[in-house]
Amino acid sequence: MNSYNENEGSHTYYVYMITNAYRSTYYIGVTNNLKLRIEQHNENIKKSRKTFAAKYNLKHLVYYERFSWIQNAIAREKE
């Protein structure tokens, strides 16, 4: 009999936190590709797009957690 582990799944999701150089504003998000998502935030800043992260120049990754289930990642993001 296989035991069920709620932390094991077939995908990887990340909850991440980015900030600006002064650490005065933070953004918390969920993604399945952390490297790409950080690149997207940086691209939004370079192109002066009207996003929260671009507005506050949030480009420094300060924390992340990995999850196998999207429901757990979303629950953690909401904490």
N, C-alpha and C. Protein backbone atom coordinates (compact mmCIF):
# COMPACT_ATOMS: atom_id res chain seq x y z
N MET A 1 0.85 -1.18 0.00
CA MET A 1 0.00 0.00 0.00
C MET A 1 0.89 1.24 0.00
N ASN A 2 0.59 2.18 -0.89
CA ASN A 2 1.34 3.44 -0.96
C ASN A 2 0.78 4.42 0.05
N SER A 3 1.67 5.12 0.72
CA SER A 3 1.19 6.15 1.64
C SER A 3 1.05 7.46 0.89
N TYR A 4 0.08 8.25 1.26
CA TYR A 4 -0.19 9.54 0.63
C TYR A 4 0.62 10.62 1.30
N ASN A 5 1.31 11.41 0.52
CA ASN A 5 2.08 12.54 1.03
C ASN A 5 1.59 13.78 0.32
N GLU A 6 0.99 14.69 1.07
CA GLU A 6 0.40 15.88 0.47
C GLU A 6 1.44 16.82 -0.14
N ASN A 7 2.71 16.64 0.16
CA ASN A 7 3.75 17.50 -0.38
C ASN A 7 4.36 16.96 -1.67
N GLU A 8 3.95 15.78 -2.12
CA GLU A 8 4.49 15.20 -3.34
C GLU A 8 3.48 15.31 -4.47
N GLY A 9 3.92 15.85 -5.58
CA GLY A 9 3.08 15.97 -6.76
C GLY A 9 3.96 15.88 -7.99
N SER A 10 3.37 16.03 -9.14
CA SER A 10 4.14 15.88 -10.36
C SER A 10 4.62 17.22 -10.93
N HIS A 11 4.32 18.31 -10.26
CA HIS A 11 4.72 19.63 -10.73
C HIS A 11 5.48 20.35 -9.63
N THR A 12 6.12 21.44 -10.01
CA THR A 12 6.81 22.27 -9.03
C THR A 12 6.28 23.69 -9.14
N TYR A 13 5.92 24.25 -8.01
CA TYR A 13 5.43 25.62 -7.92
C TYR A 13 6.26 26.35 -6.88
N TYR A 14 6.39 27.64 -7.06
CA TYR A 14 7.17 28.45 -6.14
C TYR A 14 6.34 29.61 -5.63
N VAL A 15 6.45 29.86 -4.35
CA VAL A 15 5.98 31.11 -3.75
C VAL A 15 7.25 31.92 -3.57
N TYR A 16 7.23 33.16 -4.04
CA TYR A 16 8.45 33.96 -3.99
C TYR A 16 8.16 35.37 -3.49
N MET A 17 9.19 36.01 -3.00
CA MET A 17 9.08 37.37 -2.50
C MET A 17 10.19 38.19 -3.14
N ILE A 18 9.82 39.33 -3.74
CA ILE A 18 10.81 40.24 -4.31
C ILE A 18 10.65 41.60 -3.65
N THR A 19 11.72 42.39 -3.70
CA THR A 19 11.71 43.71 -3.09
C THR A 19 12.58 44.65 -3.90
N ASN A 20 12.60 45.91 -3.50
CA ASN A 20 13.47 46.89 -4.14
C ASN A 20 14.78 47.01 -3.37
N ALA A 21 15.66 47.87 -3.83
CA ALA A 21 16.98 48.02 -3.21
C ALA A 21 16.89 48.49 -1.76
N TYR A 22 15.83 49.23 -1.43
CA TYR A 22 15.67 49.77 -0.08
C TYR A 22 14.86 48.86 0.84
N ARG A 23 14.36 47.77 0.27
CA ARG A 23 13.49 46.83 1.01
C ARG A 23 12.30 47.54 1.66
N SER A 24 11.76 48.52 0.94
CA SER A 24 10.64 49.27 1.47
C SER A 24 9.29 48.76 0.98
N THR A 25 9.30 47.99 -0.11
CA THR A 25 8.07 47.44 -0.67
C THR A 25 8.34 46.00 -1.08
N TYR A 26 7.36 45.13 -0.86
CA TYR A 26 7.51 43.72 -1.19
C TYR A 26 6.37 43.25 -2.07
N TYR A 27 6.64 42.21 -2.84
CA TYR A 27 5.64 41.56 -3.67
C TYR A 27 5.78 40.06 -3.45
N ILE A 28 4.66 39.39 -3.25
CA ILE A 28 4.66 37.94 -3.08
C ILE A 28 3.82 37.35 -4.22
N GLY A 29 4.37 36.34 -4.87
CA GLY A 29 3.67 35.72 -5.99
C GLY A 29 3.86 34.22 -6.02
N VAL A 30 3.15 33.58 -6.95
CA VAL A 30 3.25 32.14 -7.18
C VAL A 30 3.55 31.93 -8.66
N THR A 31 4.44 31.00 -8.95
CA THR A 31 4.79 30.69 -10.34
C THR A 31 5.23 29.24 -10.44
N ASN A 32 5.23 28.72 -11.65
CA ASN A 32 5.76 27.38 -11.86
C ASN A 32 7.15 27.45 -12.51
N ASN A 33 7.64 28.66 -12.80
CA ASN A 33 8.97 28.83 -13.38
C ASN A 33 9.58 30.09 -12.76
N LEU A 34 10.30 29.92 -11.69
CA LEU A 34 10.81 31.05 -10.91
C LEU A 34 11.80 31.90 -11.72
N LYS A 35 12.71 31.27 -12.41
CA LYS A 35 13.69 32.02 -13.19
C LYS A 35 13.02 32.90 -14.24
N LEU A 36 12.09 32.33 -14.98
CA LEU A 36 11.37 33.08 -16.01
C LEU A 36 10.57 34.22 -15.39
N ARG A 37 9.92 33.96 -14.27
CA ARG A 37 9.08 34.99 -13.65
C ARG A 37 9.92 36.18 -13.18
N ILE A 38 11.09 35.92 -12.62
CA ILE A 38 11.97 37.02 -12.19
C ILE A 38 12.44 37.80 -13.42
N GLU A 39 12.76 37.09 -14.49
CA GLU A 39 13.14 37.77 -15.73
C GLU A 39 12.00 38.65 -16.25
N GLN A 40 10.77 38.17 -16.14
CA GLN A 40 9.62 38.96 -16.57
C GLN A 40 9.47 40.22 -15.73
N HIS A 41 9.65 40.10 -14.43
CA HIS A 41 9.59 41.29 -13.57
C HIS A 41 10.65 42.30 -13.99
N ASN A 42 11.87 41.83 -14.24
CA ASN A 42 12.95 42.73 -14.64
C ASN A 42 12.68 43.36 -16.00
N GLU A 43 12.12 42.60 -16.92
CA GLU A 43 11.75 43.13 -18.24
C GLU A 43 10.67 44.20 -18.11
N ASN A 44 9.71 43.98 -17.23
CA ASN A 44 8.66 44.98 -17.00
C ASN A 44 9.25 46.28 -16.48
N ILE A 45 10.25 46.19 -15.62
CA ILE A 45 10.91 47.38 -15.09
C ILE A 45 11.64 48.11 -16.22
N LYS A 46 12.40 47.37 -17.02
CA LYS A 46 13.16 47.97 -18.12
C LYS A 46 12.27 48.67 -19.13
N LYS A 47 11.10 48.09 -19.38
CA LYS A 47 10.19 48.65 -20.37
C LYS A 47 9.14 49.58 -19.76
N SER A 48 9.31 49.92 -18.49
CA SER A 48 8.40 50.84 -17.77
C SER A 48 6.93 50.45 -17.91
N ARG A 49 6.67 49.16 -17.82
CA ARG A 49 5.28 48.70 -17.88
C ARG A 49 4.57 49.04 -16.58
N LYS A 50 3.27 49.15 -16.66
CA LYS A 50 2.48 49.55 -15.51
C LYS A 50 2.06 48.35 -14.68
N THR A 51 3.04 47.75 -14.02
CA THR A 51 2.78 46.65 -13.10
C THR A 51 3.21 47.10 -11.71
N PHE A 52 2.71 46.43 -10.71
CA PHE A 52 3.08 46.77 -9.33
C PHE A 52 4.58 46.65 -9.14
N ALA A 53 5.16 45.55 -9.59
CA ALA A 53 6.60 45.33 -9.41
C ALA A 53 7.43 46.38 -10.14
N ALA A 54 7.01 46.76 -11.35
CA ALA A 54 7.74 47.77 -12.10
C ALA A 54 7.61 49.15 -11.45
N LYS A 55 6.41 49.46 -11.00
CA LYS A 55 6.17 50.76 -10.37
C LYS A 55 7.10 50.99 -9.18
N TYR A 56 7.32 49.95 -8.38
CA TYR A 56 8.14 50.07 -7.18
C TYR A 56 9.55 49.49 -7.34
N ASN A 57 9.93 49.17 -8.59
CA ASN A 57 11.27 48.69 -8.91
C ASN A 57 11.64 47.44 -8.10
N LEU A 58 10.73 46.49 -8.05
CA LEU A 58 10.91 45.27 -7.28
C LEU A 58 11.60 44.23 -8.14
N LYS A 59 12.88 44.01 -7.91
CA LYS A 59 13.62 43.08 -8.75
C LYS A 59 14.58 42.19 -7.98
N HIS A 60 14.63 42.31 -6.68
CA HIS A 60 15.54 41.51 -5.87
C HIS A 60 14.78 40.37 -5.20
N LEU A 61 15.14 39.15 -5.55
CA LEU A 61 14.53 37.97 -4.94
C LEU A 61 15.10 37.81 -3.54
N VAL A 62 14.24 37.82 -2.54
CA VAL A 62 14.70 37.70 -1.16
C VAL A 62 14.28 36.39 -0.50
N TYR A 63 13.30 35.69 -1.11
CA TYR A 63 12.83 34.46 -0.48
C TYR A 63 12.02 33.66 -1.49
N TYR A 64 12.09 32.33 -1.37
CA TYR A 64 11.18 31.48 -2.14
C TYR A 64 11.02 30.14 -1.43
N GLU A 65 9.89 29.50 -1.70
CA GLU A 65 9.60 28.16 -1.21
C GLU A 65 9.11 27.34 -2.38
N ARG A 66 9.40 26.05 -2.38
CA ARG A 66 8.99 25.16 -3.46
C ARG A 66 7.86 24.25 -2.97
N PHE A 67 6.88 24.03 -3.84
CA PHE A 67 5.74 23.17 -3.54
C PHE A 67 5.46 22.25 -4.71
N SER A 68 4.86 21.12 -4.42
CA SER A 68 4.47 20.18 -5.46
C SER A 68 3.00 20.33 -5.84
N TRP A 69 2.23 20.94 -5.00
CA TRP A 69 0.80 21.12 -5.25
C TRP A 69 0.48 22.61 -5.29
N ILE A 70 -0.22 23.02 -6.34
CA ILE A 70 -0.56 24.44 -6.50
C ILE A 70 -1.44 24.93 -5.36
N GLN A 71 -2.32 24.07 -4.84
CA GLN A 71 -3.20 24.48 -3.74
C GLN A 71 -2.38 24.86 -2.52
N ASN A 72 -1.32 24.11 -2.23
CA ASN A 72 -0.46 24.43 -1.09
C ASN A 72 0.31 25.73 -1.32
N ALA A 73 0.76 25.93 -2.56
CA ALA A 73 1.49 27.16 -2.87
C ALA A 73 0.59 28.39 -2.73
N ILE A 74 -0.63 28.29 -3.21
CA ILE A 74 -1.57 29.41 -3.12
C ILE A 74 -1.92 29.69 -1.66
N ALA A 75 -2.13 28.63 -0.88
CA ALA A 75 -2.43 28.81 0.54
C ALA A 75 -1.27 29.51 1.25
N ARG A 76 -0.05 29.13 0.91
CA ARG A 76 1.12 29.77 1.54
C ARG A 76 1.25 31.23 1.12
N GLU A 77 0.99 31.50 -0.14
CA GLU A 77 1.04 32.89 -0.63
C GLU A 77 0.05 33.77 0.15
N LYS A 78 -1.10 33.23 0.47
CA LYS A 78 -2.14 34.00 1.16
C LYS A 78 -1.82 34.24 2.63
N GLU A 79 -0.90 33.44 3.19
CA GLU A 79 -0.52 33.64 4.60
C GLU A 79 0.13 34.98 4.73
